[in-house]
Amino acid sequence: MHYGELVEHDDIEGERRSGVDFSGADEHGLRILDCRFDGARLNGAKFTGCRFIDVVFDAADAPDLELSKCALQDVAITASRLGGVQAYAGTWTRVTIVGGKVGYLNLRSARLARVRFEDCAIDELDLSRAQVDRLSFSGCTVGRLDLSNARCRDVDLSGAEVLTLESNPEGLRGVSVSHAQALDLAPGFARILGMKVV
């Protein structure tokens, strides 16, 4: 089914569908409310400034997805493959991403509150200049994490294996790591602080 068949007055509401094709969507201001989509195809979809409230995407396929300036509230993305996701300058509240793989997630200048990643493999997560309140990871690997100029409160990285951390001292305030992580990330911390390790 093509997603356009579900749109009514700039809303999609109360749908429970499998295999919906959102590929090539180009929507501005669309509201998606109280929906579940299993096996959705999202390649090249653009949802600029849209609102997702009480929405579940399970086993979604999104090699290229635009979510810039979107508001996500009570959203779950499970067992999905996300390639390049542009979600900068948006607002994410009570969002969970569980399982699956994420290539590049751009949350630059976004506002995040109570966001959780669980059992994910993330190649690159960009939170530079973001405002982050209560972010956690459980059983995740993150190839590169950028917290440059982020404002963090209660950001727990202890459940993630972070291979490369990019930041400045301000971006690390409000971030907690495990003792083992602190040792692993020590060279990166030294570089961030302008220290030379000899």
N, C-alpha and C. Protein backbone atom coordinates (compact mmCIF):
# COMPACT_ATOMS: atom_id res chain seq x y z
N MET A 1 0.84 -1.20 0.00
CA MET A 1 0.00 0.00 0.00
C MET A 1 0.87 1.24 0.00
N HIS A 2 0.52 2.23 -0.82
CA HIS A 2 1.22 3.50 -0.83
C HIS A 2 0.68 4.38 0.30
N TYR A 3 1.61 5.09 0.98
CA TYR A 3 1.19 5.87 2.14
C TYR A 3 0.14 6.91 1.80
N GLY A 4 0.16 7.42 0.56
CA GLY A 4 -0.79 8.47 0.18
C GLY A 4 -2.24 8.05 0.34
N GLU A 5 -2.51 6.77 0.28
CA GLU A 5 -3.88 6.28 0.46
C GLU A 5 -4.37 6.45 1.90
N LEU A 6 -3.42 6.67 2.83
CA LEU A 6 -3.78 6.80 4.24
C LEU A 6 -3.94 8.25 4.69
N VAL A 7 -3.47 9.19 3.87
CA VAL A 7 -3.46 10.59 4.29
C VAL A 7 -4.86 11.19 4.16
N GLU A 8 -5.32 11.81 5.24
CA GLU A 8 -6.61 12.50 5.22
C GLU A 8 -6.47 13.81 5.97
N HIS A 9 -6.65 14.93 5.28
CA HIS A 9 -6.55 16.27 5.90
C HIS A 9 -5.21 16.44 6.64
N ASP A 10 -4.12 16.09 5.97
CA ASP A 10 -2.77 16.23 6.53
C ASP A 10 -2.55 15.40 7.78
N ASP A 11 -3.33 14.35 7.97
CA ASP A 11 -3.17 13.44 9.12
C ASP A 11 -3.17 12.00 8.63
N ILE A 12 -2.45 11.17 9.36
CA ILE A 12 -2.63 9.71 9.30
C ILE A 12 -2.86 9.29 10.73
N GLU A 13 -4.01 8.72 11.03
CA GLU A 13 -4.37 8.45 12.42
C GLU A 13 -4.98 7.06 12.58
N GLY A 14 -4.52 6.38 13.65
CA GLY A 14 -5.15 5.13 14.05
C GLY A 14 -4.94 3.97 13.09
N GLU A 15 -3.85 3.98 12.33
CA GLU A 15 -3.62 2.93 11.34
C GLU A 15 -2.74 1.81 11.91
N ARG A 16 -3.04 0.59 11.55
CA ARG A 16 -2.21 -0.58 11.87
C ARG A 16 -1.99 -1.29 10.53
N ARG A 17 -0.80 -1.11 9.95
CA ARG A 17 -0.57 -1.59 8.59
C ARG A 17 0.77 -2.28 8.47
N SER A 18 0.85 -3.22 7.53
CA SER A 18 2.10 -3.89 7.19
C SER A 18 2.48 -3.53 5.76
N GLY A 19 3.80 -3.34 5.55
CA GLY A 19 4.32 -3.14 4.20
C GLY A 19 3.95 -1.83 3.53
N VAL A 20 3.64 -0.79 4.30
CA VAL A 20 3.31 0.51 3.69
C VAL A 20 4.57 1.10 3.06
N ASP A 21 4.42 1.62 1.86
CA ASP A 21 5.54 2.18 1.12
C ASP A 21 5.54 3.71 1.25
N PHE A 22 6.47 4.22 2.07
CA PHE A 22 6.64 5.67 2.22
C PHE A 22 7.75 6.19 1.32
N SER A 23 8.33 5.34 0.49
CA SER A 23 9.46 5.74 -0.34
C SER A 23 9.10 6.94 -1.22
N GLY A 24 9.98 7.93 -1.23
CA GLY A 24 9.75 9.11 -2.05
C GLY A 24 8.76 10.10 -1.50
N ALA A 25 8.22 9.85 -0.29
CA ALA A 25 7.30 10.82 0.32
C ALA A 25 8.00 12.16 0.50
N ASP A 26 7.27 13.24 0.29
CA ASP A 26 7.82 14.59 0.48
C ASP A 26 6.73 15.40 1.18
N GLU A 27 6.73 15.31 2.51
CA GLU A 27 5.65 15.90 3.31
C GLU A 27 6.18 16.99 4.23
N HIS A 28 5.39 18.02 4.42
CA HIS A 28 5.71 19.11 5.33
C HIS A 28 4.50 19.32 6.24
N GLY A 29 4.70 19.16 7.54
CA GLY A 29 3.62 19.42 8.48
C GLY A 29 2.63 18.28 8.66
N LEU A 30 2.87 17.13 8.06
CA LEU A 30 1.98 15.99 8.23
C LEU A 30 2.00 15.51 9.69
N ARG A 31 0.84 15.09 10.20
CA ARG A 31 0.76 14.51 11.54
C ARG A 31 0.43 13.03 11.43
N ILE A 32 1.24 12.20 12.10
CA ILE A 32 0.99 10.76 12.15
C ILE A 32 0.74 10.41 13.60
N LEU A 33 -0.49 9.96 13.91
CA LEU A 33 -0.94 9.80 15.28
C LEU A 33 -1.42 8.38 15.54
N ASP A 34 -0.96 7.79 16.66
CA ASP A 34 -1.49 6.52 17.14
C ASP A 34 -1.50 5.46 16.03
N CYS A 35 -0.29 5.21 15.46
CA CYS A 35 -0.18 4.27 14.35
C CYS A 35 0.90 3.23 14.62
N ARG A 36 0.77 2.09 13.96
CA ARG A 36 1.82 1.07 13.94
C ARG A 36 2.02 0.64 12.50
N PHE A 37 3.31 0.65 12.09
CA PHE A 37 3.67 0.23 10.74
C PHE A 37 4.72 -0.86 10.83
N ASP A 38 4.42 -2.03 10.30
CA ASP A 38 5.35 -3.15 10.28
C ASP A 38 5.93 -3.29 8.87
N GLY A 39 7.26 -3.39 8.80
CA GLY A 39 7.90 -3.60 7.50
C GLY A 39 7.74 -2.44 6.54
N ALA A 40 7.67 -1.22 7.06
CA ALA A 40 7.50 -0.05 6.19
C ALA A 40 8.77 0.22 5.39
N ARG A 41 8.59 0.70 4.16
CA ARG A 41 9.71 1.10 3.31
C ARG A 41 9.76 2.62 3.29
N LEU A 42 10.94 3.17 3.65
CA LEU A 42 11.07 4.61 3.84
C LEU A 42 12.21 5.21 3.03
N ASN A 43 12.64 4.54 1.99
CA ASN A 43 13.79 5.01 1.24
C ASN A 43 13.50 6.35 0.56
N GLY A 44 14.32 7.35 0.88
CA GLY A 44 14.18 8.67 0.27
C GLY A 44 13.01 9.48 0.80
N ALA A 45 12.35 9.00 1.86
CA ALA A 45 11.20 9.74 2.40
C ALA A 45 11.65 11.02 3.09
N LYS A 46 10.89 12.09 2.88
CA LYS A 46 11.17 13.38 3.51
C LYS A 46 9.94 13.80 4.32
N PHE A 47 10.14 13.96 5.63
CA PHE A 47 9.06 14.37 6.52
C PHE A 47 9.46 15.64 7.26
N THR A 48 9.79 16.68 6.54
CA THR A 48 10.26 17.91 7.15
C THR A 48 9.17 18.56 7.99
N GLY A 49 9.48 18.82 9.27
CA GLY A 49 8.54 19.52 10.14
C GLY A 49 7.29 18.74 10.47
N CYS A 50 7.31 17.43 10.32
CA CYS A 50 6.13 16.61 10.63
C CYS A 50 6.11 16.22 12.10
N ARG A 51 4.94 15.73 12.56
CA ARG A 51 4.77 15.29 13.95
C ARG A 51 4.39 13.82 13.98
N PHE A 52 5.13 13.05 14.79
CA PHE A 52 4.85 11.64 15.01
C PHE A 52 4.52 11.46 16.49
N ILE A 53 3.31 11.04 16.80
CA ILE A 53 2.87 10.90 18.19
C ILE A 53 2.27 9.51 18.39
N ASP A 54 2.80 8.76 19.37
CA ASP A 54 2.33 7.39 19.64
C ASP A 54 2.41 6.54 18.38
N VAL A 55 3.62 6.43 17.84
CA VAL A 55 3.84 5.71 16.59
C VAL A 55 4.90 4.64 16.80
N VAL A 56 4.68 3.45 16.21
CA VAL A 56 5.65 2.37 16.23
C VAL A 56 6.00 2.02 14.78
N PHE A 57 7.32 1.98 14.51
CA PHE A 57 7.82 1.44 13.25
C PHE A 57 8.60 0.18 13.60
N ASP A 58 8.15 -0.97 13.11
CA ASP A 58 8.86 -2.22 13.36
C ASP A 58 9.39 -2.78 12.05
N ALA A 59 10.67 -3.18 12.07
CA ALA A 59 11.31 -3.77 10.88
C ALA A 59 11.23 -2.84 9.68
N ALA A 60 11.42 -1.54 9.93
CA ALA A 60 11.41 -0.57 8.83
C ALA A 60 12.73 -0.62 8.07
N ASP A 61 12.67 -0.27 6.79
CA ASP A 61 13.85 -0.20 5.94
C ASP A 61 13.97 1.23 5.43
N ALA A 62 15.03 1.94 5.89
CA ALA A 62 15.17 3.35 5.57
C ALA A 62 16.61 3.68 5.23
N PRO A 63 17.06 3.35 4.01
CA PRO A 63 18.43 3.68 3.63
C PRO A 63 18.73 5.18 3.68
N ASP A 64 17.70 6.01 3.41
CA ASP A 64 17.88 7.46 3.35
C ASP A 64 16.58 8.10 3.82
N LEU A 65 16.63 8.81 4.95
CA LEU A 65 15.40 9.32 5.56
C LEU A 65 15.60 10.73 6.08
N GLU A 66 14.66 11.61 5.79
CA GLU A 66 14.71 13.01 6.23
C GLU A 66 13.65 13.24 7.31
N LEU A 67 14.12 13.59 8.52
CA LEU A 67 13.23 13.91 9.64
C LEU A 67 13.59 15.26 10.25
N SER A 68 14.16 16.15 9.47
CA SER A 68 14.60 17.43 10.02
C SER A 68 13.42 18.24 10.54
N LYS A 69 13.62 18.88 11.68
CA LYS A 69 12.64 19.75 12.33
C LYS A 69 11.35 19.02 12.69
N CYS A 70 11.42 17.70 12.82
CA CYS A 70 10.25 16.91 13.19
C CYS A 70 10.11 16.83 14.71
N ALA A 71 8.88 16.62 15.16
CA ALA A 71 8.60 16.35 16.57
C ALA A 71 8.19 14.90 16.69
N LEU A 72 8.96 14.13 17.47
CA LEU A 72 8.64 12.74 17.75
C LEU A 72 8.33 12.61 19.23
N GLN A 73 7.15 12.09 19.54
CA GLN A 73 6.73 11.93 20.93
C GLN A 73 6.13 10.54 21.12
N ASP A 74 6.67 9.81 22.09
CA ASP A 74 6.21 8.43 22.35
C ASP A 74 6.30 7.59 21.08
N VAL A 75 7.49 7.58 20.51
CA VAL A 75 7.75 6.85 19.27
C VAL A 75 8.72 5.71 19.55
N ALA A 76 8.47 4.54 18.98
CA ALA A 76 9.37 3.39 19.08
C ALA A 76 9.74 2.92 17.68
N ILE A 77 11.04 2.73 17.47
CA ILE A 77 11.56 2.19 16.22
C ILE A 77 12.29 0.91 16.58
N THR A 78 11.78 -0.22 16.13
CA THR A 78 12.31 -1.50 16.57
C THR A 78 12.77 -2.35 15.38
N ALA A 79 13.88 -3.07 15.60
CA ALA A 79 14.39 -4.06 14.63
C ALA A 79 14.46 -3.50 13.21
N SER A 80 14.91 -2.26 13.08
CA SER A 80 14.89 -1.58 11.78
C SER A 80 16.31 -1.31 11.28
N ARG A 81 16.42 -1.12 9.97
CA ARG A 81 17.69 -0.76 9.35
C ARG A 81 17.57 0.68 8.86
N LEU A 82 18.32 1.56 9.52
CA LEU A 82 18.32 2.98 9.17
C LEU A 82 19.69 3.34 8.61
N GLY A 83 19.71 3.91 7.43
CA GLY A 83 20.98 4.29 6.82
C GLY A 83 21.38 5.69 7.25
N GLY A 84 21.19 6.66 6.37
CA GLY A 84 21.47 8.06 6.71
C GLY A 84 20.18 8.75 7.11
N VAL A 85 20.10 9.19 8.37
CA VAL A 85 18.89 9.84 8.89
C VAL A 85 19.23 11.28 9.26
N GLN A 86 18.62 12.23 8.57
CA GLN A 86 18.80 13.65 8.86
C GLN A 86 17.66 14.09 9.77
N ALA A 87 17.95 14.23 11.07
CA ALA A 87 16.92 14.58 12.06
C ALA A 87 17.34 15.81 12.85
N TYR A 88 18.09 16.69 12.23
CA TYR A 88 18.59 17.87 12.92
C TYR A 88 17.46 18.85 13.26
N ALA A 89 17.69 19.61 14.34
CA ALA A 89 16.78 20.69 14.75
C ALA A 89 15.38 20.20 15.07
N GLY A 90 15.24 18.93 15.42
CA GLY A 90 13.94 18.40 15.79
C GLY A 90 13.79 18.30 17.30
N THR A 91 12.65 17.75 17.72
CA THR A 91 12.36 17.54 19.14
C THR A 91 11.93 16.09 19.32
N TRP A 92 12.72 15.34 20.09
CA TRP A 92 12.41 13.94 20.38
C TRP A 92 12.10 13.79 21.86
N THR A 93 10.92 13.31 22.18
CA THR A 93 10.49 13.11 23.56
C THR A 93 9.98 11.69 23.74
N ARG A 94 10.58 10.97 24.68
CA ARG A 94 10.22 9.57 24.94
C ARG A 94 10.27 8.75 23.65
N VAL A 95 11.45 8.73 23.06
CA VAL A 95 11.69 7.96 21.84
C VAL A 95 12.63 6.80 22.17
N THR A 96 12.31 5.61 21.67
CA THR A 96 13.18 4.45 21.86
C THR A 96 13.53 3.86 20.50
N ILE A 97 14.80 3.50 20.36
CA ILE A 97 15.26 2.78 19.18
C ILE A 97 15.86 1.48 19.69
N VAL A 98 15.24 0.37 19.34
CA VAL A 98 15.60 -0.93 19.90
C VAL A 98 15.97 -1.88 18.77
N GLY A 99 17.16 -2.49 18.87
CA GLY A 99 17.59 -3.45 17.88
C GLY A 99 17.94 -2.79 16.56
N GLY A 100 18.42 -3.59 15.64
CA GLY A 100 18.69 -3.09 14.30
C GLY A 100 20.01 -2.34 14.20
N LYS A 101 20.16 -1.63 13.09
CA LYS A 101 21.41 -0.93 12.76
C LYS A 101 21.11 0.47 12.27
N VAL A 102 21.97 1.40 12.68
CA VAL A 102 21.85 2.80 12.26
C VAL A 102 23.18 3.20 11.63
N GLY A 103 23.14 3.72 10.40
CA GLY A 103 24.36 4.17 9.76
C GLY A 103 24.81 5.52 10.30
N TYR A 104 24.08 6.57 9.97
CA TYR A 104 24.41 7.93 10.42
C TYR A 104 23.12 8.59 10.89
N LEU A 105 23.11 9.01 12.15
CA LEU A 105 21.95 9.70 12.72
C LEU A 105 22.37 11.11 13.09
N ASN A 106 21.86 12.07 12.34
CA ASN A 106 22.19 13.48 12.54
C ASN A 106 21.12 14.14 13.39
N LEU A 107 21.44 14.33 14.68
CA LEU A 107 20.55 15.03 15.61
C LEU A 107 21.16 16.36 16.03
N ARG A 108 21.90 16.95 15.15
CA ARG A 108 22.54 18.22 15.43
C ARG A 108 21.49 19.29 15.78
N SER A 109 21.73 20.02 16.84
CA SER A 109 20.86 21.13 17.28
C SER A 109 19.45 20.67 17.63
N ALA A 110 19.28 19.39 17.90
CA ALA A 110 17.96 18.87 18.29
C ALA A 110 17.77 18.99 19.81
N ARG A 111 16.52 18.80 20.23
CA ARG A 111 16.18 18.73 21.66
C ARG A 111 15.72 17.31 21.96
N LEU A 112 16.39 16.65 22.87
CA LEU A 112 16.06 15.28 23.23
C LEU A 112 15.71 15.19 24.70
N ALA A 113 14.65 14.47 25.01
CA ALA A 113 14.26 14.24 26.40
C ALA A 113 13.77 12.81 26.54
N ARG A 114 14.42 12.05 27.41
CA ARG A 114 14.06 10.65 27.68
C ARG A 114 14.11 9.81 26.41
N VAL A 115 15.28 9.80 25.81
CA VAL A 115 15.53 9.00 24.60
C VAL A 115 16.41 7.82 24.97
N ARG A 116 16.08 6.64 24.42
CA ARG A 116 16.80 5.42 24.78
C ARG A 116 17.17 4.63 23.54
N PHE A 117 18.43 4.19 23.49
CA PHE A 117 18.90 3.26 22.46
C PHE A 117 19.20 1.94 23.14
N GLU A 118 18.70 0.85 22.58
CA GLU A 118 18.91 -0.47 23.19
C GLU A 118 19.27 -1.49 22.12
N ASP A 119 20.37 -2.22 22.36
CA ASP A 119 20.80 -3.31 21.46
C ASP A 119 20.91 -2.84 20.02
N CYS A 120 21.53 -1.65 19.83
CA CYS A 120 21.70 -1.09 18.49
C CYS A 120 23.18 -1.07 18.12
N ALA A 121 23.43 -1.16 16.82
CA ALA A 121 24.75 -0.88 16.27
C ALA A 121 24.65 0.43 15.51
N ILE A 122 25.36 1.45 15.98
CA ILE A 122 25.28 2.79 15.40
C ILE A 122 26.66 3.17 14.87
N ASP A 123 26.76 3.44 13.58
CA ASP A 123 28.05 3.83 13.02
C ASP A 123 28.44 5.24 13.48
N GLU A 124 27.49 6.18 13.38
CA GLU A 124 27.82 7.56 13.75
C GLU A 124 26.57 8.26 14.29
N LEU A 125 26.75 8.90 15.44
CA LEU A 125 25.66 9.64 16.08
C LEU A 125 26.14 11.07 16.34
N ASP A 126 25.50 12.03 15.70
CA ASP A 126 25.91 13.44 15.80
C ASP A 126 24.92 14.19 16.69
N LEU A 127 25.38 14.55 17.89
CA LEU A 127 24.58 15.33 18.83
C LEU A 127 25.20 16.71 19.06
N SER A 128 26.00 17.16 18.14
CA SER A 128 26.63 18.46 18.33
C SER A 128 25.57 19.56 18.41
N ARG A 129 25.76 20.45 19.38
CA ARG A 129 24.87 21.59 19.64
C ARG A 129 23.46 21.18 20.05
N ALA A 130 23.28 19.91 20.39
CA ALA A 130 21.96 19.44 20.84
C ALA A 130 21.74 19.75 22.31
N GLN A 131 20.48 19.81 22.74
CA GLN A 131 20.11 19.91 24.14
C GLN A 131 19.53 18.57 24.54
N VAL A 132 20.22 17.88 25.43
CA VAL A 132 19.91 16.48 25.71
C VAL A 132 19.61 16.30 27.20
N ASP A 133 18.44 15.77 27.51
CA ASP A 133 18.01 15.55 28.90
C ASP A 133 17.55 14.10 29.02
N ARG A 134 18.34 13.29 29.72
CA ARG A 134 18.03 11.88 29.97
C ARG A 134 18.10 11.06 28.68
N LEU A 135 19.32 10.74 28.32
CA LEU A 135 19.63 9.88 27.19
C LEU A 135 20.39 8.67 27.71
N SER A 136 20.00 7.46 27.28
CA SER A 136 20.68 6.26 27.77
C SER A 136 20.90 5.26 26.64
N PHE A 137 21.89 4.40 26.86
CA PHE A 137 22.23 3.35 25.92
C PHE A 137 22.31 2.04 26.69
N SER A 138 21.85 0.96 26.07
CA SER A 138 21.96 -0.36 26.69
C SER A 138 22.34 -1.37 25.61
N GLY A 139 23.50 -2.00 25.76
CA GLY A 139 23.93 -3.01 24.81
C GLY A 139 24.19 -2.48 23.42
N CYS A 140 24.70 -1.24 23.32
CA CYS A 140 24.90 -0.61 22.02
C CYS A 140 26.39 -0.46 21.70
N THR A 141 26.69 -0.40 20.41
CA THR A 141 28.01 0.02 19.95
C THR A 141 27.83 1.29 19.13
N VAL A 142 28.71 2.26 19.36
CA VAL A 142 28.67 3.52 18.62
C VAL A 142 30.06 3.76 18.05
N GLY A 143 30.16 3.78 16.73
CA GLY A 143 31.46 3.98 16.10
C GLY A 143 32.02 5.36 16.37
N ARG A 144 31.19 6.38 16.20
CA ARG A 144 31.63 7.76 16.44
C ARG A 144 30.48 8.54 17.06
N LEU A 145 30.76 9.20 18.17
CA LEU A 145 29.77 10.03 18.86
C LEU A 145 30.30 11.45 18.94
N ASP A 146 29.52 12.40 18.45
CA ASP A 146 29.92 13.81 18.48
C ASP A 146 29.02 14.56 19.45
N LEU A 147 29.63 15.07 20.53
CA LEU A 147 28.91 15.87 21.53
C LEU A 147 29.42 17.31 21.56
N SER A 148 30.03 17.75 20.49
CA SER A 148 30.61 19.10 20.47
C SER A 148 29.55 20.16 20.74
N ASN A 149 29.82 20.97 21.76
CA ASN A 149 28.93 22.09 22.13
C ASN A 149 27.52 21.65 22.49
N ALA A 150 27.36 20.37 22.86
CA ALA A 150 26.05 19.91 23.32
C ALA A 150 25.82 20.36 24.76
N ARG A 151 24.54 20.48 25.14
CA ARG A 151 24.18 20.73 26.54
C ARG A 151 23.52 19.47 27.06
N CYS A 152 24.21 18.78 27.95
CA CYS A 152 23.77 17.46 28.39
C CYS A 152 23.36 17.47 29.86
N ARG A 153 22.29 16.75 30.14
CA ARG A 153 21.85 16.53 31.50
C ARG A 153 21.44 15.07 31.62
N ASP A 154 22.10 14.34 32.50
CA ASP A 154 21.78 12.93 32.74
C ASP A 154 21.90 12.10 31.45
N VAL A 155 23.06 12.20 30.83
CA VAL A 155 23.37 11.39 29.65
C VAL A 155 24.26 10.24 30.09
N ASP A 156 23.77 9.02 29.96
CA ASP A 156 24.47 7.84 30.47
C ASP A 156 25.01 7.04 29.28
N LEU A 157 26.34 7.05 29.14
CA LEU A 157 26.99 6.31 28.07
C LEU A 157 27.49 4.95 28.54
N SER A 158 27.25 4.61 29.80
CA SER A 158 27.88 3.41 30.36
C SER A 158 27.40 2.12 29.69
N GLY A 159 26.24 2.14 29.01
CA GLY A 159 25.75 0.95 28.35
C GLY A 159 26.13 0.86 26.89
N ALA A 160 27.10 1.70 26.47
CA ALA A 160 27.50 1.71 25.07
C ALA A 160 29.00 1.51 24.95
N GLU A 161 29.41 0.84 23.90
CA GLU A 161 30.82 0.80 23.53
C GLU A 161 31.04 1.89 22.50
N VAL A 162 31.72 2.97 22.93
CA VAL A 162 31.96 4.12 22.06
C VAL A 162 33.40 4.04 21.56
N LEU A 163 33.58 3.93 20.26
CA LEU A 163 34.92 3.78 19.71
C LEU A 163 35.63 5.12 19.58
N THR A 164 34.92 6.15 19.14
CA THR A 164 35.51 7.47 18.98
C THR A 164 34.55 8.52 19.53
N LEU A 165 35.06 9.39 20.40
CA LEU A 165 34.25 10.46 20.99
C LEU A 165 34.81 11.80 20.54
N GLU A 166 33.94 12.60 19.92
CA GLU A 166 34.31 13.97 19.52
C GLU A 166 33.54 14.94 20.40
N SER A 167 34.26 15.90 20.97
CA SER A 167 33.58 16.87 21.82
C SER A 167 34.56 17.98 22.19
N ASN A 168 34.06 18.88 23.02
CA ASN A 168 34.89 19.83 23.73
C ASN A 168 34.50 19.70 25.20
N PRO A 169 35.22 20.32 26.13
CA PRO A 169 34.88 20.13 27.54
C PRO A 169 33.43 20.45 27.88
N GLU A 170 32.86 21.49 27.25
CA GLU A 170 31.49 21.87 27.56
C GLU A 170 30.50 20.76 27.18
N GLY A 171 30.78 20.07 26.09
CA GLY A 171 29.87 19.03 25.64
C GLY A 171 29.85 17.80 26.53
N LEU A 172 30.85 17.66 27.41
CA LEU A 172 30.93 16.48 28.27
C LEU A 172 30.30 16.69 29.63
N ARG A 173 29.92 17.91 29.95
CA ARG A 173 29.25 18.15 31.23
C ARG A 173 27.89 17.46 31.23
N GLY A 174 27.58 16.76 32.31
CA GLY A 174 26.32 16.05 32.41
C GLY A 174 26.35 14.66 31.81
N VAL A 175 27.55 14.19 31.40
CA VAL A 175 27.69 12.86 30.80
C VAL A 175 28.34 11.93 31.81
N SER A 176 27.81 10.72 31.93
CA SER A 176 28.42 9.73 32.81
C SER A 176 28.91 8.55 31.99
N VAL A 177 30.08 8.03 32.39
CA VAL A 177 30.67 6.86 31.75
C VAL A 177 31.11 5.89 32.83
N SER A 178 31.30 4.63 32.46
CA SER A 178 31.80 3.65 33.41
C SER A 178 33.30 3.83 33.60
N HIS A 179 33.83 3.20 34.65
CA HIS A 179 35.27 3.28 34.90
C HIS A 179 36.05 2.71 33.73
N ALA A 180 35.59 1.58 33.21
CA ALA A 180 36.27 0.96 32.07
C ALA A 180 36.23 1.87 30.84
N GLN A 181 35.09 2.52 30.61
CA GLN A 181 34.99 3.45 29.49
C GLN A 181 35.95 4.61 29.65
N ALA A 182 36.05 5.13 30.88
CA ALA A 182 36.96 6.25 31.12
C ALA A 182 38.38 5.90 30.72
N LEU A 183 38.79 4.66 31.01
CA LEU A 183 40.13 4.23 30.63
C LEU A 183 40.25 4.11 29.11
N ASP A 184 39.23 3.52 28.48
CA ASP A 184 39.27 3.35 27.03
C ASP A 184 39.26 4.70 26.30
N LEU A 185 38.53 5.65 26.86
CA LEU A 185 38.38 6.95 26.20
C LEU A 185 39.43 7.97 26.64
N ALA A 186 40.34 7.56 27.54
CA ALA A 186 41.33 8.49 28.07
C ALA A 186 42.12 9.23 26.98
N PRO A 187 42.60 8.55 25.92
CA PRO A 187 43.31 9.30 24.88
C PRO A 187 42.45 10.36 24.22
N GLY A 188 41.17 10.03 24.02
CA GLY A 188 40.26 11.01 23.44
C GLY A 188 40.02 12.18 24.38
N PHE A 189 39.85 11.89 25.68
CA PHE A 189 39.68 12.96 26.65
C PHE A 189 40.90 13.88 26.66
N ALA A 190 42.10 13.27 26.59
CA ALA A 190 43.32 14.07 26.58
C ALA A 190 43.35 14.99 25.37
N ARG A 191 42.95 14.47 24.22
CA ARG A 191 42.94 15.31 23.02
C ARG A 191 41.94 16.43 23.15
N ILE A 192 40.75 16.12 23.68
CA ILE A 192 39.73 17.14 23.87
C ILE A 192 40.22 18.26 24.78
N LEU A 193 40.98 17.90 25.80
CA LEU A 193 41.48 18.88 26.76
C LEU A 193 42.78 19.52 26.32
N GLY A 194 43.29 19.13 25.18
CA GLY A 194 44.55 19.71 24.69
C GLY A 194 45.77 19.17 25.40
N MET A 195 45.66 17.99 25.98
CA MET A 195 46.79 17.40 26.69
C MET A 195 47.61 16.51 25.75
N LYS A 196 48.88 16.36 26.06
CA LYS A 196 49.74 15.48 25.30
C LYS A 196 50.09 14.29 26.18
N VAL A 197 49.83 13.09 25.69
CA VAL A 197 50.16 11.88 26.42
C VAL A 197 51.50 11.37 25.91
N VAL A 198 52.47 11.23 26.84
CA VAL A 198 53.83 10.81 26.45
C VAL A 198 54.22 9.56 27.23
